[in-house]
Structures are given as C-alpha cells and as structure tokens.
Amino acid sequence: MFLNGFLLASVFYFLMESTYENGLFASIKSDVQARLDVNDNTDSLFVKAMHDCYHLMNNRAATFADGGLLGPENGLFHSTSVDLMTTNGACGSYSQVLARIIRSFNFPVRIGQMLAQGHYGAHNVVEANDGKHWVVLDPTFDLYFVRPDAQLASFADVHQDWPYYSRQVPASYDLNYRYEDVRYTNWTKVPILFPFVKKVLTLFIGAERTNGMSIRTIFLNSYSVWFYVFLILEIVLFVITCKRYVRFIVIPRRNNHFPVAAGAFAKYAPVKEKDPTWLQ
C-alpha cells in the first residue's frame, strides 16, 4: 500500500509539473506569435523564436552556477523548464529551450552535437525543418546564417563554405566552432544497448534517417515522460495488489489441499442440516 501511495503521488506530481511546463512554453509561443506580421515567413518565425530564447536566457548561467542546490529537478528529473530558468547547461540549455519553442509550432526539430577540436558535443546547435530543408540556428550566440539567395542556411551549407559564413558570426563567437561535422545522437553512450538499437533502426528506417535522429528531443518535456513511466508502474502494481488482496483477504487459502478457508467457504456455500460436521 505504501508503494501504491508513493507511485500515485508521483504520477500527480509529474502531471502537475508537465502541465505547468506546457503552459510556460505556450506563453512563450504566444509572445513569438505576437511579434509576427503578415510579411513574415517560416524563416522569420525561426529567427524570432531564437531571439526570444536568447533574451529570456542570457546572463542567467552565472546566477545558477551551483545547480546542485536545485536538487533532483536539475539532475534525475531534469526538464526544459529547468534549462529555461537556469541556463546551467550552457549551449545545451539554449538548444533545449529553442527546440521546445519551435516544436510548439509543430515543426520538426533536432539538436546537433557539433564536432570541434576533435570532440563531438563541444557545442550544440538547433536544426529546424521548414518543410523543404533543415536550417541551422545557434541560440547561444543568437546566430543564424543567410545564404546568397537570402534563405536561412543549413548545417551542410555552412560546412561546405565556412570562409563565407564565418563573416556573419558576432564578435563574441568562438571560432573553434567551424561546422566541421555534426551528430544528432551519441550511439555509443550506452554500450551494447545503443549500438543494438541503432542497428535495428537502420534495418527498418534506413541509415540516413537513423543518423539524423535526435533522441534528445524526445525528452524536451521529461516530466511528461516520467508521468507515463510512473503511471505504467502504478497500474502494474495496482493490479498485483488487487490480486493479492482477493487471494489472501477475500478468499484466503487455508492450505495447499483446501482452496479457500473453511469460514469463507461456509459463508457462501449451502450447509447440510443433517450433517453439521461435514466441513471437519
């Protein structure tokens, strides 16, 4: 009963946190929409969403440098609302928040782990799909790249002509981030399991879609994920509890040969008047 109570309380806690976070990002979405006008296109929406993300988060990291004081919400139960509040994950936090904002507009989004100085994940960026192609956005520096045709550039565009696009970066930009390469999921992070999952996905959806999959975006609202995890656990435990209650309380077993206790059986079974000792 204690475990049932704990799981049920956890289900309600994560539901409340998820609902709060959804409302938080719905408010940010409304603010972005209020900044749009009739001349804006999808590229404009992406850029204005990034501007909102940058101005909401800039300069917060120093205040929340000691993230350990925030408890499990900053660790085990880490969700995007924590990134929005603290910016404690630096470029990772910026990317999480921008990805969540763009996702609220129902555009496909993924988080790219950039290769820099020989290490993947040295810097994170966001890629959004406008229905035709992916465009790259760097919310940490409030940076986007414009192609010669005035369209937003993709990661591949910047990668192929870094000397051209490097002239668009702000003065504060770290020039070590040269768009050398990118990955969207670290398929070696969990040995055996992740490589196996990658092989299975490659078999069913192909190598290109598997390599372009960003598992991190599945957990943009981790409270929602935890809600379903605890809900499933509570349902399973509740069913087990009910079975045990029926088995040992309602119709408890007396021994291995007699299926139910004599008292319980006598209560519901007809009793022969001429042989009152028949149960003995």
Protein backbone atom coordinates (compact mmCIF):
# COMPACT_ATOMS: atom_id res chain seq x y z
CA MET A 1 0.00 0.00 0.00
CA PHE A 2 2.90 2.33 0.71
CA LEU A 3 4.33 1.75 -2.78
CA ASN A 4 0.92 2.36 -4.33
CA GLY A 5 0.64 5.63 -2.47
CA PHE A 6 4.16 6.70 -3.44
CA LEU A 7 3.64 5.92 -7.14
CA LEU A 8 0.23 7.57 -7.20
CA ALA A 9 1.63 10.73 -5.58
CA SER A 10 4.49 10.71 -8.12
CA VAL A 11 2.03 10.41 -11.01
CA PHE A 12 0.15 13.50 -9.82
CA TYR A 13 3.41 15.39 -9.20
CA PHE A 14 4.75 14.80 -12.70
CA LEU A 15 1.35 15.58 -14.22
CA MET A 16 1.30 18.95 -12.45
CA GLU A 17 4.89 19.75 -13.47
CA SER A 18 4.22 18.74 -17.07
CA THR A 19 1.06 20.85 -17.20
CA TYR A 20 2.93 23.83 -15.74
CA GLU A 21 5.75 23.46 -18.26
CA ASN A 22 3.33 23.16 -21.18
CA GLY A 23 1.64 26.37 -20.06
CA LEU A 24 5.02 28.10 -19.72
CA PHE A 25 6.02 27.34 -23.30
CA ALA A 26 2.52 28.11 -24.57
CA SER A 27 3.06 31.63 -23.17
CA ILE A 28 6.41 31.93 -24.96
CA LYS A 29 4.76 30.71 -28.18
CA SER A 30 2.10 33.40 -27.82
CA ASP A 31 4.80 36.05 -27.38
CA VAL A 32 6.57 34.90 -30.56
CA GLN A 33 3.28 34.93 -32.46
CA ALA A 34 2.60 38.47 -31.28
CA ARG A 35 5.87 39.57 -32.91
CA LEU A 36 4.97 38.13 -36.31
CA ASP A 37 3.42 40.20 -39.08
CA VAL A 38 1.88 39.43 -42.46
CA ASN A 39 5.24 39.66 -44.24
CA ASP A 40 6.93 37.06 -42.05
CA ASN A 41 7.65 33.58 -43.39
CA THR A 42 8.85 30.38 -41.72
CA ASP A 43 12.45 31.63 -41.62
CA SER A 44 11.27 34.76 -39.81
CA LEU A 45 9.40 32.65 -37.27
CA PHE A 46 12.52 30.59 -36.53
CA VAL A 47 14.66 33.70 -36.10
CA LYS A 48 12.17 35.48 -33.83
CA ALA A 49 11.77 32.34 -31.73
CA MET A 50 15.54 32.26 -31.33
CA HIS A 51 15.64 35.95 -30.36
CA ASP A 52 13.06 35.29 -27.63
CA CYS A 53 15.03 32.29 -26.41
CA TYR A 54 18.28 34.27 -26.23
CA HIS A 55 16.81 37.25 -24.40
CA LEU A 56 15.00 35.03 -21.90
CA MET A 57 18.12 33.06 -21.02
CA ASN A 58 21.10 35.36 -21.48
CA ASN A 59 23.08 36.14 -18.29
CA ARG A 60 21.27 33.59 -16.10
CA ALA A 61 24.04 30.98 -16.01
CA ALA A 62 26.16 32.92 -13.51
CA THR A 63 23.26 33.21 -11.07
CA PHE A 64 22.55 29.47 -11.12
CA ALA A 65 26.15 28.28 -11.40
CA ASP A 66 25.72 25.91 -8.45
CA GLY A 67 22.99 23.76 -9.98
CA GLY A 68 23.37 21.15 -7.25
CA LEU A 69 21.32 23.35 -4.93
CA LEU A 70 18.27 22.78 -7.13
CA GLY A 71 18.01 19.12 -6.13
CA PRO A 72 16.73 16.25 -8.31
CA GLU A 73 14.93 18.62 -10.70
CA ASN A 74 18.33 19.66 -12.00
CA GLY A 75 19.54 16.07 -12.26
CA LEU A 76 17.41 12.99 -12.47
CA PHE A 77 14.16 14.77 -13.38
CA HIS A 78 15.79 17.48 -15.50
CA SER A 79 13.33 19.07 -17.91
CA THR A 80 13.42 22.02 -20.30
CA SER A 81 11.83 24.42 -17.80
CA VAL A 82 14.97 23.99 -15.66
CA ASP A 83 17.13 24.94 -18.65
CA LEU A 84 14.95 27.98 -19.24
CA MET A 85 15.27 29.11 -15.63
CA THR A 86 18.98 28.44 -15.08
CA THR A 87 20.83 28.16 -18.42
CA ASN A 88 23.02 25.86 -16.35
CA GLY A 89 23.77 23.61 -19.31
CA ALA A 90 25.19 26.46 -21.41
CA CYS A 91 24.73 25.74 -25.15
CA GLY A 92 22.84 22.56 -24.23
CA SER A 93 20.27 24.58 -22.29
CA TYR A 94 19.86 27.14 -25.05
CA SER A 95 19.34 24.35 -27.56
CA GLN A 96 16.79 22.53 -25.41
CA VAL A 97 14.70 25.65 -24.93
CA LEU A 98 14.78 26.77 -28.55
CA ALA A 99 13.95 23.24 -29.73
CA ARG A 100 10.95 23.21 -27.36
CA ILE A 101 9.72 26.60 -28.60
CA ILE A 102 9.98 25.63 -32.27
CA ARG A 103 8.38 22.24 -31.55
CA SER A 104 5.38 24.10 -30.08
CA PHE A 105 4.77 25.43 -33.62
CA ASN A 106 4.69 21.81 -34.87
CA PHE A 107 7.91 22.00 -36.88
CA PRO A 108 10.33 19.03 -36.83
CA VAL A 109 13.39 19.88 -34.78
CA ARG A 110 16.64 18.23 -33.76
CA ILE A 111 19.65 19.13 -31.65
CA GLY A 112 23.02 18.84 -33.32
CA GLN A 113 26.20 17.98 -31.41
CA MET A 114 28.94 19.81 -33.26
CA LEU A 115 32.44 18.43 -33.79
CA ALA A 116 35.08 20.87 -32.58
CA GLN A 117 38.71 20.28 -31.64
CA GLY A 118 38.22 16.56 -32.17
CA HIS A 119 35.21 16.20 -29.85
CA TYR A 120 31.52 15.83 -30.67
CA GLY A 121 29.24 17.84 -28.44
CA ALA A 122 31.79 20.63 -27.97
CA HIS A 123 28.95 22.93 -29.00
CA ASN A 124 25.24 22.35 -29.56
CA VAL A 125 23.03 23.92 -32.20
CA VAL A 126 19.42 23.51 -33.26
CA GLU A 127 18.15 22.46 -36.65
CA ALA A 128 14.54 23.05 -37.71
CA ASN A 129 12.78 21.78 -40.81
CA ASP A 130 10.63 24.30 -42.66
CA GLY A 131 9.03 21.59 -44.78
CA LYS A 132 11.66 21.80 -47.51
CA HIS A 133 15.02 21.55 -45.78
CA TRP A 134 16.77 21.84 -42.41
CA VAL A 135 18.06 25.22 -41.27
CA VAL A 136 20.65 25.70 -38.52
CA LEU A 137 20.23 28.08 -35.56
CA ASP A 138 22.71 28.81 -32.78
CA PRO A 139 20.73 30.25 -29.84
CA THR A 140 23.82 30.52 -27.60
CA PHE A 141 25.07 33.37 -29.81
CA ASP A 142 21.64 34.37 -31.20
CA LEU A 143 23.13 33.42 -34.56
CA TYR A 144 21.68 32.31 -37.88
CA PHE A 145 23.28 32.18 -41.31
CA VAL A 146 21.87 33.63 -44.53
CA ARG A 147 22.63 32.12 -47.92
CA PRO A 148 23.33 34.27 -51.00
CA ASP A 149 19.67 33.75 -52.04
CA ALA A 150 18.53 35.32 -48.71
CA GLN A 151 17.28 32.00 -47.30
CA LEU A 152 18.43 30.54 -44.00
CA ALA A 153 21.39 28.21 -44.37
CA SER A 154 21.58 24.57 -43.33
CA PHE A 155 24.42 22.97 -41.41
CA ALA A 156 25.64 21.48 -44.70
CA ASP A 157 25.68 24.93 -46.34
CA VAL A 158 27.83 26.36 -43.57
CA HIS A 159 30.05 23.28 -43.51
CA GLN A 160 30.75 23.50 -47.23
CA ASP A 161 31.64 27.21 -47.25
CA TRP A 162 32.81 28.18 -43.78
CA PRO A 163 35.02 31.06 -45.02
CA TYR A 164 31.89 32.74 -46.45
CA TYR A 165 29.59 32.13 -43.48
CA SER A 166 32.24 32.87 -40.84
CA ARG A 167 31.92 36.52 -41.79
CA GLN A 168 28.37 36.50 -40.38
CA VAL A 169 29.28 35.49 -36.83
CA PRO A 170 29.26 38.07 -33.98
CA ALA A 171 32.44 39.32 -32.32
CA SER A 172 31.78 37.13 -29.26
CA TYR A 173 31.66 33.93 -31.31
CA ASP A 174 34.15 31.15 -30.58
CA LEU A 175 35.86 30.48 -33.91
CA ASN A 176 36.70 26.94 -32.81
CA TYR A 177 33.13 26.10 -33.80
CA ARG A 178 33.78 25.81 -37.51
CA TYR A 179 30.94 23.46 -38.52
CA GLU A 180 33.36 20.64 -39.27
CA ASP A 181 30.79 17.91 -38.65
CA VAL A 182 27.71 17.10 -36.55
CA ARG A 183 25.88 14.18 -34.99
CA TYR A 184 22.38 14.12 -33.52
CA THR A 185 22.61 11.13 -31.16
CA ASN A 186 25.59 9.63 -29.37
CA TRP A 187 25.03 5.99 -30.33
CA THR A 188 28.00 4.87 -28.22
CA LYS A 189 26.80 6.44 -24.95
CA VAL A 190 25.26 3.23 -23.62
CA PRO A 191 27.45 0.28 -24.73
CA ILE A 192 25.75 -2.72 -26.32
CA LEU A 193 22.22 -1.26 -25.97
CA PHE A 194 22.58 1.88 -28.11
CA PRO A 195 24.59 0.19 -30.91
CA PHE A 196 21.96 -2.57 -31.00
CA VAL A 197 19.12 -0.04 -31.19
CA LYS A 198 20.93 1.79 -33.98
CA LYS A 199 21.30 -1.42 -35.99
CA VAL A 200 17.62 -2.22 -35.59
CA LEU A 201 16.57 1.30 -36.60
CA THR A 202 18.92 1.24 -39.58
CA LEU A 203 17.34 -2.02 -40.70
CA PHE A 204 13.80 -0.62 -40.57
CA ILE A 205 14.11 3.08 -41.46
CA GLY A 206 17.50 3.29 -43.18
CA ALA A 207 20.88 4.73 -42.25
CA GLU A 208 20.10 8.32 -43.26
CA ARG A 209 17.03 8.67 -41.04
CA THR A 210 18.75 6.86 -38.17
CA ASN A 211 21.81 9.11 -38.32
CA GLY A 212 19.53 12.16 -38.42
CA MET A 213 17.52 11.08 -35.38
CA SER A 214 17.84 13.23 -32.28
CA ILE A 215 16.85 11.16 -29.24
CA ARG A 216 17.38 14.16 -27.01
CA THR A 217 14.32 15.91 -28.44
CA ILE A 218 12.13 13.07 -27.15
CA PHE A 219 12.83 14.33 -23.63
CA LEU A 220 12.10 18.02 -24.17
CA ASN A 221 9.32 17.57 -21.60
CA SER A 222 10.86 14.93 -19.36
CA TYR A 223 8.10 15.42 -16.78
CA SER A 224 5.66 14.00 -19.31
CA VAL A 225 7.95 11.01 -19.89
CA TRP A 226 8.26 10.38 -16.15
CA PHE A 227 4.48 10.72 -15.79
CA TYR A 228 3.88 7.82 -18.19
CA VAL A 229 6.66 5.73 -16.64
CA PHE A 230 5.21 6.08 -13.14
CA LEU A 231 1.66 5.65 -14.42
CA ILE A 232 2.54 2.31 -16.01
CA LEU A 233 4.33 1.20 -12.83
CA GLU A 234 1.31 2.22 -10.72
CA ILE A 235 -1.12 0.33 -12.97
CA VAL A 236 1.01 -2.82 -12.78
CA LEU A 237 1.42 -2.55 -9.01
CA PHE A 238 -2.29 -1.81 -8.51
CA VAL A 239 -3.25 -4.94 -10.46
CA ILE A 240 -0.81 -7.05 -8.41
CA THR A 241 -2.14 -5.53 -5.18
CA CYS A 242 -5.75 -6.27 -6.13
CA LYS A 243 -4.89 -9.87 -6.97
CA ARG A 244 -3.11 -10.35 -3.66
CA TYR A 245 -5.97 -8.73 -1.76
CA VAL A 246 -8.51 -11.06 -3.37
CA ARG A 247 -6.28 -14.09 -2.86
CA PHE A 248 -5.30 -13.56 0.77
CA ILE A 249 -8.11 -11.41 2.21
CA VAL A 250 -11.36 -12.06 0.34
CA ILE A 251 -10.87 -15.78 -0.26
CA PRO A 252 -7.69 -16.69 1.64
CA ARG A 253 -6.14 -20.12 1.21
CA ARG A 254 -6.17 -22.41 4.25
CA ASN A 255 -3.67 -24.95 2.97
CA ASN A 256 -2.43 -26.47 -0.25
CA HIS A 257 -5.28 -29.02 -0.41
CA PHE A 258 -8.24 -26.87 0.52
CA PRO A 259 -8.63 -23.93 -1.90
CA VAL A 260 -10.33 -21.49 0.47
CA ALA A 261 -10.67 -21.03 4.21
CA ALA A 262 -13.49 -23.05 5.74
CA GLY A 263 -15.10 -19.98 7.23
CA ALA A 264 -15.23 -18.17 3.89
CA PHE A 265 -16.49 -21.26 2.07
CA ALA A 266 -19.17 -21.96 4.70
CA LYS A 267 -20.40 -18.41 4.41
CA TYR A 268 -21.26 -18.74 0.73
CA ALA A 269 -21.85 -22.49 0.27
CA PRO A 270 -25.11 -24.31 1.22
CA VAL A 271 -24.84 -26.21 4.52
CA LYS A 272 -26.41 -29.67 5.02
CA GLU A 273 -28.70 -29.59 8.06
CA LYS A 274 -28.37 -33.32 8.89
CA ASP A 275 -24.57 -33.33 8.90
CA PRO A 276 -23.30 -30.17 10.59
CA THR A 277 -19.77 -31.66 10.90
CA TRP A 278 -19.29 -32.17 7.17
CA LEU A 279 -16.69 -29.37 7.00
CA GLN A 280 -14.41 -31.03 9.57
